[in-house]
Structures are given as structure tokens and as C-alpha cells.
Amino acid sequence: DLTLYATRAPDFGQWQAELDGQPIGQPFDGWAPVVLPSGPIARGVRQLSRGPHVIGFRIVGRHPEATADKYGIDALKLERVPPSD
């Protein structure tokens, strides 16, 4: 289970989190009139194979009031989810 914590700001754009090159969760609009924390952003649960994986971020748009298309990720929280029966 992946949860992100990001910064929102006047110069931040809309971004998409990716896992191994595939979108995970919905795009996130990082724009805000002042700098502030996003709080938890749930990205969802994925089953992972053994070995390395890549988490990436891609700018996908811009809020009409944004002055740029930057983004800021403050933390990633990965949690093991017990298998369901």
C-alpha cells in the first residue's frame, strides 16, 4: 500500500505517481495559494514481485492559477498488506 505526502504551493503543477512506469492512483493537483502540506495521498495497493521496482513522478498538467509546474514529495509510506483469504 503506497501513501504519499507532498507539498502544495502556488508554483506547483499536476503530477501523476507511477510504479514501474505505470500510473498508480489518480493525478494530483499540487497547486495551492500558499505553501502547505497535502496530508496523506492514498495511491493504492499493488502486488509486487521480488526485486527492484521504480516509483516515479510525471507532470501531467497545470492548474490555471499556477505560476509553474513544479512538485514536491515530502515522504513515501509503503506498508505491507496481509494477504486476503
N, C-alpha and C. Protein backbone atom coordinates (compact mmCIF):
# COMPACT_ATOMS: atom_id res chain seq x y z
N ASP A 1 0.87 -1.17 0.00
CA ASP A 1 0.00 0.00 0.00
C ASP A 1 0.91 1.22 0.00
N LEU A 2 0.71 2.11 -0.96
CA LEU A 2 1.54 3.30 -1.09
C LEU A 2 0.74 4.55 -0.74
N THR A 3 1.28 5.33 0.19
CA THR A 3 0.71 6.63 0.55
C THR A 3 1.82 7.67 0.38
N LEU A 4 1.49 8.78 -0.23
CA LEU A 4 2.45 9.87 -0.42
C LEU A 4 2.06 11.06 0.43
N TYR A 5 3.05 11.85 0.76
CA TYR A 5 2.86 13.14 1.42
C TYR A 5 3.60 14.17 0.57
N ALA A 6 2.92 15.22 0.15
CA ALA A 6 3.51 16.18 -0.77
C ALA A 6 3.35 17.60 -0.23
N THR A 7 3.99 18.51 -0.93
CA THR A 7 3.82 19.94 -0.68
C THR A 7 2.89 20.50 -1.74
N ARG A 8 2.06 21.44 -1.35
CA ARG A 8 1.21 22.19 -2.29
C ARG A 8 1.70 23.63 -2.26
N ALA A 9 1.69 24.30 -3.42
CA ALA A 9 2.23 25.66 -3.49
C ALA A 9 1.72 26.37 -4.74
N PRO A 10 1.88 27.71 -4.79
CA PRO A 10 1.41 28.48 -5.94
C PRO A 10 2.10 28.12 -7.26
N ASP A 11 3.31 27.58 -7.18
CA ASP A 11 4.05 27.26 -8.42
C ASP A 11 4.13 25.75 -8.69
N PHE A 12 3.20 24.99 -8.11
CA PHE A 12 3.22 23.53 -8.30
C PHE A 12 2.15 23.11 -9.30
N GLY A 13 2.49 22.10 -10.09
CA GLY A 13 1.61 21.61 -11.13
C GLY A 13 0.84 20.36 -10.73
N GLN A 14 0.27 19.73 -11.74
CA GLN A 14 -0.47 18.47 -11.56
C GLN A 14 0.47 17.34 -11.94
N TRP A 15 0.59 16.34 -11.07
CA TRP A 15 1.51 15.24 -11.34
C TRP A 15 0.85 13.89 -11.13
N GLN A 16 1.46 12.89 -11.74
CA GLN A 16 0.99 11.52 -11.67
C GLN A 16 2.09 10.65 -11.08
N ALA A 17 1.78 9.89 -10.03
CA ALA A 17 2.73 8.92 -9.49
C ALA A 17 2.71 7.69 -10.38
N GLU A 18 3.88 7.06 -10.54
CA GLU A 18 3.99 5.86 -11.36
C GLU A 18 4.78 4.80 -10.61
N LEU A 19 4.41 3.57 -10.83
CA LEU A 19 5.13 2.42 -10.29
C LEU A 19 5.55 1.56 -11.47
N ASP A 20 6.85 1.42 -11.64
CA ASP A 20 7.40 0.67 -12.79
C ASP A 20 6.83 1.18 -14.11
N GLY A 21 6.70 2.51 -14.23
CA GLY A 21 6.26 3.13 -15.47
C GLY A 21 4.76 3.14 -15.70
N GLN A 22 3.99 2.61 -14.75
CA GLN A 22 2.53 2.56 -14.89
C GLN A 22 1.89 3.49 -13.85
N PRO A 23 0.83 4.24 -14.23
CA PRO A 23 0.18 5.13 -13.27
C PRO A 23 -0.32 4.36 -12.04
N ILE A 24 -0.18 4.99 -10.89
CA ILE A 24 -0.72 4.42 -9.66
C ILE A 24 -1.51 5.53 -8.97
N GLY A 25 -2.81 5.33 -8.82
CA GLY A 25 -3.69 6.37 -8.29
C GLY A 25 -4.03 7.37 -9.37
N GLN A 26 -4.76 8.38 -8.98
CA GLN A 26 -5.19 9.45 -9.89
C GLN A 26 -4.17 10.59 -9.88
N PRO A 27 -4.15 11.42 -10.93
CA PRO A 27 -3.28 12.60 -10.90
C PRO A 27 -3.61 13.48 -9.69
N PHE A 28 -2.60 14.18 -9.20
CA PHE A 28 -2.74 15.05 -8.02
C PHE A 28 -2.44 16.48 -8.43
N ASP A 29 -3.31 17.40 -8.04
CA ASP A 29 -3.10 18.82 -8.31
C ASP A 29 -2.38 19.44 -7.12
N GLY A 30 -1.12 19.81 -7.31
CA GLY A 30 -0.32 20.35 -6.22
C GLY A 30 -0.46 21.85 -6.01
N TRP A 31 -1.33 22.49 -6.78
CA TRP A 31 -1.47 23.93 -6.62
C TRP A 31 -2.20 24.28 -5.33
N ALA A 32 -1.78 25.35 -4.68
CA ALA A 32 -2.45 25.96 -3.54
C ALA A 32 -2.03 27.43 -3.51
N PRO A 33 -2.84 28.31 -2.95
CA PRO A 33 -2.48 29.74 -2.95
C PRO A 33 -1.29 30.06 -2.04
N VAL A 34 -1.00 29.20 -1.08
CA VAL A 34 0.16 29.35 -0.20
C VAL A 34 0.79 27.97 -0.03
N VAL A 35 2.03 27.93 0.44
CA VAL A 35 2.72 26.65 0.67
C VAL A 35 2.10 25.96 1.87
N LEU A 36 1.72 24.70 1.68
CA LEU A 36 1.16 23.91 2.78
C LEU A 36 1.29 22.43 2.48
N PRO A 37 1.21 21.59 3.53
CA PRO A 37 1.32 20.14 3.31
C PRO A 37 0.02 19.58 2.73
N SER A 38 0.16 18.51 1.98
CA SER A 38 -1.01 17.88 1.36
C SER A 38 -1.80 17.00 2.31
N GLY A 39 -1.15 16.48 3.33
CA GLY A 39 -1.76 15.40 4.10
C GLY A 39 -1.56 14.11 3.32
N PRO A 40 -2.08 13.00 3.81
CA PRO A 40 -1.87 11.73 3.12
C PRO A 40 -2.61 11.66 1.78
N ILE A 41 -1.90 11.13 0.77
CA ILE A 41 -2.47 10.93 -0.56
C ILE A 41 -2.38 9.44 -0.86
N ALA A 42 -3.49 8.73 -0.75
CA ALA A 42 -3.51 7.28 -0.98
C ALA A 42 -3.31 7.00 -2.47
N ARG A 43 -2.38 6.15 -2.79
CA ARG A 43 -2.12 5.79 -4.19
C ARG A 43 -2.61 4.38 -4.51
N GLY A 44 -2.85 3.56 -3.49
CA GLY A 44 -3.42 2.24 -3.75
C GLY A 44 -2.51 1.09 -3.39
N VAL A 45 -3.05 -0.09 -3.56
CA VAL A 45 -2.35 -1.33 -3.22
C VAL A 45 -1.95 -2.03 -4.52
N ARG A 46 -0.72 -2.51 -4.57
CA ARG A 46 -0.22 -3.29 -5.70
C ARG A 46 0.53 -4.49 -5.17
N GLN A 47 0.43 -5.58 -5.88
CA GLN A 47 1.22 -6.77 -5.55
C GLN A 47 2.55 -6.63 -6.27
N LEU A 48 3.64 -6.78 -5.52
CA LEU A 48 4.97 -6.63 -6.10
C LEU A 48 5.71 -7.96 -6.15
N SER A 49 6.43 -8.15 -7.22
CA SER A 49 7.31 -9.32 -7.33
C SER A 49 8.61 -9.01 -6.57
N ARG A 50 9.38 -10.03 -6.32
CA ARG A 50 10.70 -9.80 -5.69
C ARG A 50 11.58 -9.01 -6.65
N GLY A 51 12.47 -8.23 -6.08
CA GLY A 51 13.40 -7.47 -6.91
C GLY A 51 13.11 -6.00 -6.88
N PRO A 52 13.92 -5.25 -7.61
CA PRO A 52 13.77 -3.79 -7.59
C PRO A 52 12.53 -3.31 -8.34
N HIS A 53 12.01 -2.19 -7.87
CA HIS A 53 10.88 -1.50 -8.50
C HIS A 53 11.18 -0.01 -8.50
N VAL A 54 10.56 0.73 -9.41
CA VAL A 54 10.82 2.16 -9.54
C VAL A 54 9.54 2.94 -9.32
N ILE A 55 9.59 3.89 -8.38
CA ILE A 55 8.50 4.84 -8.17
C ILE A 55 8.94 6.15 -8.82
N GLY A 56 8.09 6.69 -9.69
CA GLY A 56 8.43 7.92 -10.39
C GLY A 56 7.26 8.89 -10.36
N PHE A 57 7.53 10.10 -10.83
CA PHE A 57 6.52 11.15 -10.86
C PHE A 57 6.64 11.90 -12.18
N ARG A 58 5.48 12.19 -12.78
CA ARG A 58 5.45 12.85 -14.07
C ARG A 58 4.45 14.01 -14.01
N ILE A 59 4.89 15.19 -14.47
CA ILE A 59 3.99 16.33 -14.56
C ILE A 59 2.99 16.05 -15.69
N VAL A 60 1.69 16.21 -15.39
CA VAL A 60 0.65 15.91 -16.38
C VAL A 60 -0.23 17.12 -16.70
N GLY A 61 -0.02 18.23 -16.01
CA GLY A 61 -0.85 19.39 -16.28
C GLY A 61 -0.48 20.55 -15.38
N ARG A 62 -1.29 21.58 -15.50
CA ARG A 62 -1.02 22.79 -14.73
C ARG A 62 -2.35 23.44 -14.35
N HIS A 63 -2.49 23.74 -13.08
CA HIS A 63 -3.66 24.46 -12.59
C HIS A 63 -3.67 25.83 -13.26
N PRO A 64 -4.85 26.36 -13.62
CA PRO A 64 -4.90 27.67 -14.29
C PRO A 64 -4.22 28.81 -13.52
N GLU A 65 -4.17 28.71 -12.20
CA GLU A 65 -3.56 29.78 -11.39
C GLU A 65 -2.11 29.50 -11.03
N ALA A 66 -1.57 28.35 -11.42
CA ALA A 66 -0.19 28.00 -11.08
C ALA A 66 0.79 28.88 -11.85
N THR A 67 1.87 29.26 -11.20
CA THR A 67 2.90 30.08 -11.84
C THR A 67 4.01 29.24 -12.46
N ALA A 68 4.00 27.92 -12.23
CA ALA A 68 4.97 26.99 -12.80
C ALA A 68 4.39 25.58 -12.68
N ASP A 69 5.20 24.58 -12.97
CA ASP A 69 4.73 23.20 -12.89
C ASP A 69 5.69 22.32 -12.08
N LYS A 70 6.11 22.84 -10.96
CA LYS A 70 7.00 22.10 -10.05
C LYS A 70 6.18 21.12 -9.23
N TYR A 71 6.86 20.27 -8.46
CA TYR A 71 6.19 19.42 -7.48
C TYR A 71 7.16 19.11 -6.35
N GLY A 72 6.62 18.72 -5.21
CA GLY A 72 7.44 18.38 -4.06
C GLY A 72 6.86 17.19 -3.32
N ILE A 73 7.64 16.13 -3.22
CA ILE A 73 7.24 14.94 -2.48
C ILE A 73 7.99 14.97 -1.15
N ASP A 74 7.26 14.98 -0.05
CA ASP A 74 7.87 15.06 1.27
C ASP A 74 8.19 13.68 1.85
N ALA A 75 7.32 12.70 1.59
CA ALA A 75 7.53 11.37 2.16
C ALA A 75 6.76 10.33 1.37
N LEU A 76 7.27 9.11 1.39
CA LEU A 76 6.60 7.94 0.84
C LEU A 76 6.38 6.96 1.97
N LYS A 77 5.20 6.41 2.06
CA LYS A 77 4.92 5.42 3.10
C LYS A 77 4.50 4.12 2.39
N LEU A 78 5.30 3.09 2.55
CA LEU A 78 5.00 1.77 2.00
C LEU A 78 4.63 0.83 3.14
N GLU A 79 3.49 0.19 3.03
CA GLU A 79 3.05 -0.73 4.06
C GLU A 79 2.72 -2.08 3.45
N ARG A 80 3.16 -3.14 4.12
CA ARG A 80 2.81 -4.49 3.69
C ARG A 80 1.35 -4.74 4.06
N VAL A 81 0.59 -5.25 3.11
CA VAL A 81 -0.82 -5.56 3.33
C VAL A 81 -0.93 -7.07 3.46
N PRO A 82 -1.53 -7.56 4.55
CA PRO A 82 -1.67 -9.01 4.70
C PRO A 82 -2.51 -9.58 3.56
N PRO A 83 -2.15 -10.79 3.09
CA PRO A 83 -2.94 -11.39 2.02
C PRO A 83 -4.37 -11.66 2.48
N SER A 84 -5.31 -11.45 1.54
CA SER A 84 -6.71 -11.73 1.88
C SER A 84 -7.01 -13.19 1.58
N ASP A 85 -7.95 -13.74 2.31
CA ASP A 85 -8.30 -15.15 2.11
C ASP A 85 -9.26 -15.33 0.96
